[in-house]
């Protein structure tokens, strides 16, 4: 809880009940949308990092992309939109931080390394507590989607983000996650799809890309994670997976592969220990250079007028 003693929970959605019988009365959807748009009125660019499936390193890419974007004094926010499996706080060493509420009753993002401003459901949960809106017998399952939307709207619209240069959003796995979140985001969103070079991953990512393009959401390109492995002795790069490079999918979708990130055990260790990879010697590694190049691409990306 913040020092001013205000209730840290933005709504019942952020303080998960065990098994509700029905959603409580809510505001008009247009009012909620307007509040979300107002909260991000000073943010010219929103980058949604998606994958369609878990286990491809999407959150790690999102955290390091945000870290790279925050260089040169840029003001960058990072929203962990994975309500049930938030991991951004762990990767940035912020787990256990108290929820902060200002005198105006609005949430404050948690300051992170490199000046990042971070918001996550993780800050509203205790230890390893799971977010439970279903109840032990699943009696609340039918209302889960409504409560998830309410929680996401709260994290977006009740946080005093201020004037950001960029907001990076780490989406939960699933092809529907970005179109669903678009209800609360202003129309300045560009998507980035993270995959690994396997057929299973590419299939899931293709579904997410098709949903995004069908919703007329601009896509900056595809990030191929685990694109290679680097020899620790000589520094030479070689393939890690040989099954399915992302080029075929990129060509089929009319997109570019905008970054190929080599596998680096130090990148995984940095995430586990909450030490941003790009805030230390990792910036000079092949993986660090690839992540820095991704940030440069995003900084220079501008969607065509008809796409926005």
Protein backbone atom coordinates (compact mmCIF):
# COMPACT_ATOMS: atom_id res chain seq x y z
CA UNK A 1 0.00 0.00 0.00
CA UNK A 2 1.17 3.53 -0.67
CA UNK A 3 2.32 5.79 2.12
CA UNK A 4 -0.81 7.94 1.92
CA UNK A 5 -2.92 4.98 3.03
CA UNK A 6 -5.13 4.95 -0.03
CA UNK A 7 -6.67 1.67 -1.08
CA UNK A 8 -4.15 0.24 -3.57
CA UNK A 9 -6.72 -1.83 -5.46
CA UNK A 10 -8.14 -0.03 -8.50
CA UNK A 11 -11.26 -2.18 -8.50
CA UNK A 12 -12.53 -5.59 -7.55
CA UNK A 13 -10.84 -6.80 -10.73
CA UNK A 14 -7.43 -6.12 -9.21
CA UNK A 15 -8.34 -7.85 -5.94
CA UNK A 16 -9.50 -11.18 -7.30
CA UNK A 17 -12.53 -12.65 -5.53
CA UNK A 18 -12.61 -16.41 -5.26
CA UNK A 19 -15.86 -17.14 -7.08
CA UNK A 20 -18.26 -14.33 -8.00
CA UNK A 21 -21.84 -15.07 -8.87
CA UNK A 22 -21.90 -12.28 -11.48
CA UNK A 23 -19.90 -9.20 -12.38
CA UNK A 24 -20.65 -6.17 -10.27
CA UNK A 25 -22.23 -3.17 -11.96
CA UNK A 26 -19.70 -1.44 -14.16
CA UNK A 27 -19.27 1.89 -15.85
CA UNK A 28 -20.40 2.48 -19.39
CA UNK A 29 -17.88 0.95 -21.79
CA UNK A 30 -17.39 4.25 -23.60
CA UNK A 31 -16.56 5.98 -20.30
CA UNK A 32 -13.95 3.35 -19.51
CA UNK A 33 -12.49 3.60 -23.01
CA UNK A 34 -12.34 7.39 -22.74
CA UNK A 35 -10.48 7.13 -19.41
CA UNK A 36 -7.96 4.71 -20.95
CA UNK A 37 -7.40 6.96 -23.95
CA UNK A 38 -6.98 9.98 -21.68
CA UNK A 39 -4.39 8.12 -19.59
CA UNK A 40 -2.30 7.55 -22.73
CA UNK A 41 -3.04 10.85 -24.43
CA UNK A 42 0.60 11.90 -24.04
CA UNK A 43 2.00 8.68 -25.53
CA UNK A 44 2.65 8.88 -29.28
CA UNK A 45 3.68 5.23 -29.77
CA UNK A 46 2.39 1.98 -28.24
CA UNK A 47 4.21 -1.26 -29.06
CA UNK A 48 2.36 -4.52 -28.40
CA UNK A 49 4.67 -7.54 -28.17
CA UNK A 50 2.75 -10.73 -29.00
CA UNK A 51 3.47 -14.32 -29.87
CA UNK A 52 0.33 -16.45 -29.90
CA UNK A 53 1.95 -19.05 -27.64
CA UNK A 54 4.08 -19.22 -24.54
CA UNK A 55 7.66 -20.37 -24.26
CA UNK A 56 9.16 -18.32 -27.09
CA UNK A 57 10.78 -15.63 -24.92
CA UNK A 58 8.20 -12.94 -25.66
CA UNK A 59 8.37 -11.32 -22.22
CA UNK A 60 12.15 -11.30 -22.30
CA UNK A 61 12.03 -9.55 -25.67
CA UNK A 62 9.46 -7.04 -24.35
CA UNK A 63 11.54 -6.23 -21.25
CA UNK A 64 14.76 -5.75 -23.19
CA UNK A 65 13.04 -3.82 -25.97
CA UNK A 66 11.63 -1.44 -23.36
CA UNK A 67 15.06 -1.15 -21.73
CA UNK A 68 16.68 -0.31 -25.06
CA UNK A 69 13.96 2.20 -25.96
CA UNK A 70 14.51 3.96 -22.61
CA UNK A 71 18.02 4.95 -23.64
CA UNK A 72 19.00 8.58 -24.32
CA UNK A 73 16.58 9.82 -21.68
CA UNK A 74 13.41 8.61 -23.37
CA UNK A 75 10.44 8.04 -21.06
CA UNK A 76 9.16 4.49 -21.53
CA UNK A 77 6.33 2.61 -19.83
CA UNK A 78 6.00 -1.17 -19.68
CA UNK A 79 2.60 -2.77 -19.14
CA UNK A 80 2.50 -6.48 -18.28
CA UNK A 81 -0.86 -7.45 -19.79
CA UNK A 82 -0.49 -11.13 -18.86
CA UNK A 83 -2.80 -11.22 -15.84
CA UNK A 84 -2.43 -14.92 -15.03
CA UNK A 85 1.28 -15.32 -15.70
CA UNK A 86 2.92 -11.94 -15.12
CA UNK A 87 6.71 -12.15 -15.35
CA UNK A 88 7.89 -8.62 -16.10
CA UNK A 89 8.32 -7.73 -12.40
CA UNK A 90 10.60 -10.75 -11.88
CA UNK A 91 12.69 -9.90 -14.92
CA UNK A 92 13.22 -6.34 -13.69
CA UNK A 93 13.85 -7.15 -10.02
CA UNK A 94 10.59 -5.49 -8.92
CA UNK A 95 8.71 -8.35 -7.27
CA UNK A 96 7.32 -7.43 -3.87
CA UNK A 97 7.08 -3.73 -4.63
CA UNK A 98 4.04 -2.15 -2.94
CA UNK A 99 1.24 -0.79 -5.08
CA UNK A 100 1.49 2.99 -5.23
CA UNK A 101 -1.47 5.37 -5.28
CA UNK A 102 -1.18 9.13 -5.60
CA UNK A 103 -3.15 11.78 -3.78
CA UNK A 104 -5.50 11.92 -6.76
CA UNK A 105 -6.48 8.29 -6.18
CA UNK A 106 -4.78 7.12 -9.37
CA UNK A 107 -2.26 4.30 -9.54
CA UNK A 108 1.39 5.10 -10.01
CA UNK A 109 3.60 2.95 -12.20
CA UNK A 110 6.49 1.33 -10.33
CA UNK A 111 9.90 2.85 -11.19
CA UNK A 112 12.18 0.24 -12.71
CA UNK A 113 15.76 -0.02 -13.95
CA UNK A 114 16.82 2.53 -16.52
CA UNK A 115 13.89 4.78 -15.69
CA UNK A 116 11.22 2.35 -16.90
CA UNK A 117 7.70 2.85 -15.52
CA UNK A 118 6.13 -0.55 -14.91
CA UNK A 119 2.58 -1.68 -14.21
CA UNK A 120 1.56 -5.30 -13.65
CA UNK A 121 -0.98 -7.50 -11.92
CA UNK A 122 2.03 -8.99 -10.13
CA UNK A 123 2.06 -5.99 -7.78
CA UNK A 124 -1.48 -6.82 -6.61
CA UNK A 125 -0.74 -10.48 -5.79
CA UNK A 126 1.04 -11.85 -2.74
CA UNK A 127 4.09 -14.04 -3.32
CA UNK A 128 3.17 -16.92 -5.61
CA UNK A 129 -0.57 -16.29 -5.31
CA UNK A 130 -2.51 -17.28 -8.40
CA UNK A 131 -5.18 -15.03 -9.83
CA UNK A 132 -8.41 -16.93 -9.12
CA UNK A 133 -11.66 -15.69 -10.57
CA UNK A 134 -13.16 -19.14 -11.11
CA UNK A 135 -13.33 -20.57 -7.59
CA UNK A 136 -12.44 -24.11 -6.64
CA UNK A 137 -15.51 -25.48 -8.42
CA UNK A 138 -15.19 -23.25 -11.45
CA UNK A 139 -18.39 -21.41 -10.64
CA UNK A 140 -17.00 -18.05 -11.69
CA UNK A 141 -15.58 -19.17 -15.02
CA UNK A 142 -18.42 -17.72 -17.06
CA UNK A 143 -17.56 -14.21 -15.86
CA UNK A 144 -13.80 -14.48 -16.27
CA UNK A 145 -13.55 -12.66 -19.57
CA UNK A 146 -15.49 -9.66 -18.27
CA UNK A 147 -13.31 -9.44 -15.17
CA UNK A 148 -10.11 -9.77 -17.18
CA UNK A 149 -11.22 -6.90 -19.39
CA UNK A 150 -12.10 -4.81 -16.34
CA UNK A 151 -8.67 -5.48 -14.80
CA UNK A 152 -6.83 -4.59 -18.00
CA UNK A 153 -8.88 -1.42 -18.35
CA UNK A 154 -7.93 -0.50 -14.78
CA UNK A 155 -4.22 -1.12 -15.35
CA UNK A 156 -4.33 1.04 -18.47
CA UNK A 157 -6.76 3.76 -17.49
CA UNK A 158 -6.32 4.17 -13.75
CA UNK A 159 -2.53 4.41 -13.94
CA UNK A 160 -1.13 7.94 -14.16
CA UNK A 161 1.38 7.22 -16.93
CA UNK A 162 2.14 10.84 -17.69
CA UNK A 163 3.77 11.84 -20.96
CA UNK A 164 5.53 8.73 -22.26
CA UNK A 165 7.55 8.52 -25.43
CA UNK A 166 6.57 4.86 -25.82
CA UNK A 167 4.46 2.30 -23.99
CA UNK A 168 5.53 -1.31 -24.47
CA UNK A 169 2.81 -3.89 -23.77
CA UNK A 170 3.74 -7.50 -23.00
CA UNK A 171 0.68 -9.48 -24.10
CA UNK A 172 -0.45 -12.82 -22.75
CA UNK A 173 -0.23 -15.80 -25.14
CA UNK A 174 -3.20 -16.25 -27.44
CA UNK A 175 -4.24 -14.97 -30.85
CA UNK A 176 -7.15 -13.01 -29.34
CA UNK A 177 -5.18 -11.00 -26.79
CA UNK A 178 -4.25 -7.98 -28.90
CA UNK A 179 -7.68 -7.45 -30.54
CA UNK A 180 -9.30 -7.70 -27.09
CA UNK A 181 -6.93 -5.15 -25.56
CA UNK A 182 -7.49 -2.73 -28.43
CA UNK A 183 -10.79 -1.75 -26.78
CA UNK A 184 -8.74 0.18 -24.21
CA UNK A 185 -5.79 1.41 -26.28
CA UNK A 186 -5.77 4.49 -28.50
CA UNK A 187 -5.28 3.86 -32.24
CA UNK A 188 -1.51 4.31 -32.13
CA UNK A 189 -0.62 0.67 -31.61
CA UNK A 190 1.98 -1.22 -33.61
CA UNK A 191 2.45 -4.95 -33.06
CA UNK A 192 5.62 -7.02 -32.99
CA UNK A 193 5.34 -10.82 -33.23
CA UNK A 194 7.91 -13.02 -31.47
CA UNK A 195 8.54 -16.57 -32.64
CA UNK A 196 11.17 -19.27 -32.48
CA UNK A 197 12.11 -21.20 -35.64
CA UNK A 198 9.87 -24.22 -35.17
CA UNK A 199 6.71 -25.19 -37.06
CA UNK A 200 4.63 -25.27 -33.86
CA UNK A 201 5.62 -21.73 -32.94
CA UNK A 202 5.17 -20.37 -36.46
CA UNK A 203 1.66 -21.82 -36.68
CA UNK A 204 0.58 -20.08 -33.47
CA UNK A 205 2.25 -16.82 -34.46
CA UNK A 206 0.60 -16.91 -37.89
CA UNK A 207 -2.82 -17.07 -36.23
CA UNK A 208 -1.96 -14.07 -34.06
CA UNK A 209 -0.70 -12.13 -37.06
CA UNK A 210 -3.83 -12.86 -39.06
CA UNK A 211 -6.02 -11.67 -36.18
CA UNK A 212 -3.99 -8.48 -35.87
CA UNK A 213 -4.05 -7.75 -39.60
CA UNK A 214 -7.76 -8.55 -39.84
CA UNK A 215 -8.29 -5.96 -37.08
CA UNK A 216 -6.21 -3.48 -39.15
CA UNK A 217 -3.50 -3.26 -36.51
CA UNK A 218 -0.14 -2.31 -38.07
CA UNK A 219 2.57 -4.94 -37.61
CA UNK A 220 6.17 -3.72 -37.58
CA UNK A 221 7.51 -7.20 -38.25
CA UNK A 222 8.56 -10.55 -36.85
CA UNK A 223 11.25 -11.16 -34.23
CA UNK A 224 12.95 -14.54 -34.49
CA UNK A 225 14.15 -15.51 -31.03
CA UNK A 226 16.63 -18.37 -30.54
CA UNK A 227 17.63 -17.70 -34.14
CA UNK A 228 21.11 -19.08 -33.61
CA UNK A 229 23.59 -20.12 -30.97
CA UNK A 230 26.92 -18.46 -30.30
CA UNK A 231 30.09 -20.44 -29.62
CA UNK A 232 31.49 -19.24 -26.30
CA UNK A 233 35.02 -20.10 -27.41
CA UNK A 234 35.22 -18.40 -30.82
CA UNK A 235 32.07 -16.27 -31.05
CA UNK A 236 30.87 -17.94 -34.26
CA UNK A 237 27.10 -18.22 -34.76
CA UNK A 238 25.37 -21.39 -35.92
CA UNK A 239 21.74 -22.54 -36.14
CA UNK A 240 20.03 -23.62 -32.94
CA UNK A 241 16.87 -24.92 -34.59
CA UNK A 242 16.96 -26.02 -38.22
CA UNK A 243 13.29 -26.83 -38.61
CA UNK A 244 11.55 -23.63 -39.72
CA UNK A 245 13.15 -20.21 -40.04
CA UNK A 246 10.72 -17.31 -39.86
CA UNK A 247 11.41 -16.08 -43.40
CA UNK A 248 8.71 -18.25 -44.98
CA UNK A 249 6.06 -16.91 -42.61
CA UNK A 250 7.26 -13.35 -43.09
CA UNK A 251 7.04 -13.70 -46.87
CA UNK A 252 3.57 -15.25 -46.69
CA UNK A 253 2.30 -12.42 -44.45
CA UNK A 254 4.00 -9.64 -46.39
CA UNK A 255 6.20 -8.73 -43.40
CA UNK A 256 9.89 -8.52 -42.58
CA UNK A 257 11.96 -10.36 -40.01
CA UNK A 258 13.16 -7.27 -38.15
CA UNK A 259 15.41 -8.98 -35.58
CA UNK A 260 17.12 -12.33 -35.14
CA UNK A 261 18.16 -12.84 -31.54
CA UNK A 262 20.76 -15.54 -30.79
CA UNK A 263 20.33 -17.84 -27.81
CA UNK A 264 22.46 -16.61 -24.93
CA UNK A 265 22.35 -18.29 -21.50
CA UNK A 266 23.29 -14.96 -19.91
CA UNK A 267 20.04 -13.48 -21.23
CA UNK A 268 18.03 -16.15 -19.39
CA UNK A 269 20.11 -15.70 -16.23
CA UNK A 270 19.55 -11.95 -16.33
CA UNK A 271 15.79 -12.46 -16.53
CA UNK A 272 15.80 -14.92 -13.63
CA UNK A 273 17.85 -12.64 -11.40
CA UNK A 274 16.04 -9.42 -12.27
CA UNK A 275 19.07 -7.78 -13.85
CA UNK A 276 18.23 -6.19 -17.23
CA UNK A 277 20.48 -7.77 -19.83
CA UNK A 278 20.99 -4.53 -21.74
CA UNK A 279 21.89 -2.58 -18.61
CA UNK A 280 25.22 -4.43 -18.31
CA UNK A 281 27.81 -6.14 -20.50
CA UNK A 282 25.04 -7.93 -22.40
CA UNK A 283 24.64 -4.85 -24.58
CA UNK A 284 27.87 -5.72 -26.44
CA UNK A 285 26.95 -9.38 -27.13
CA UNK A 286 25.36 -10.66 -30.36
CA UNK A 287 22.01 -10.94 -28.55
CA UNK A 288 22.41 -7.44 -27.13
CA UNK A 289 23.20 -5.98 -30.53
CA UNK A 290 20.16 -7.73 -32.02
CA UNK A 291 17.90 -6.31 -29.30
CA UNK A 292 19.39 -2.86 -29.77
CA UNK A 293 18.73 -3.14 -33.50
CA UNK A 294 15.13 -4.08 -32.78
CA UNK A 295 14.74 -0.93 -30.69
CA UNK A 296 16.23 1.17 -33.50
CA UNK A 297 13.75 -0.35 -35.94
CA UNK A 298 10.82 0.46 -33.65
CA UNK A 299 12.04 4.02 -33.12
CA UNK A 300 12.13 4.53 -36.89
CA UNK A 301 8.88 2.70 -37.67
CA UNK A 302 5.88 4.65 -38.83
CA UNK A 303 2.69 2.91 -39.96
CA UNK A 304 1.27 3.90 -43.31
CA UNK A 305 -1.59 6.39 -42.90
CA UNK A 306 -4.17 3.97 -44.25
CA UNK A 307 -3.14 1.33 -41.68
CA UNK A 308 -3.74 3.50 -38.62
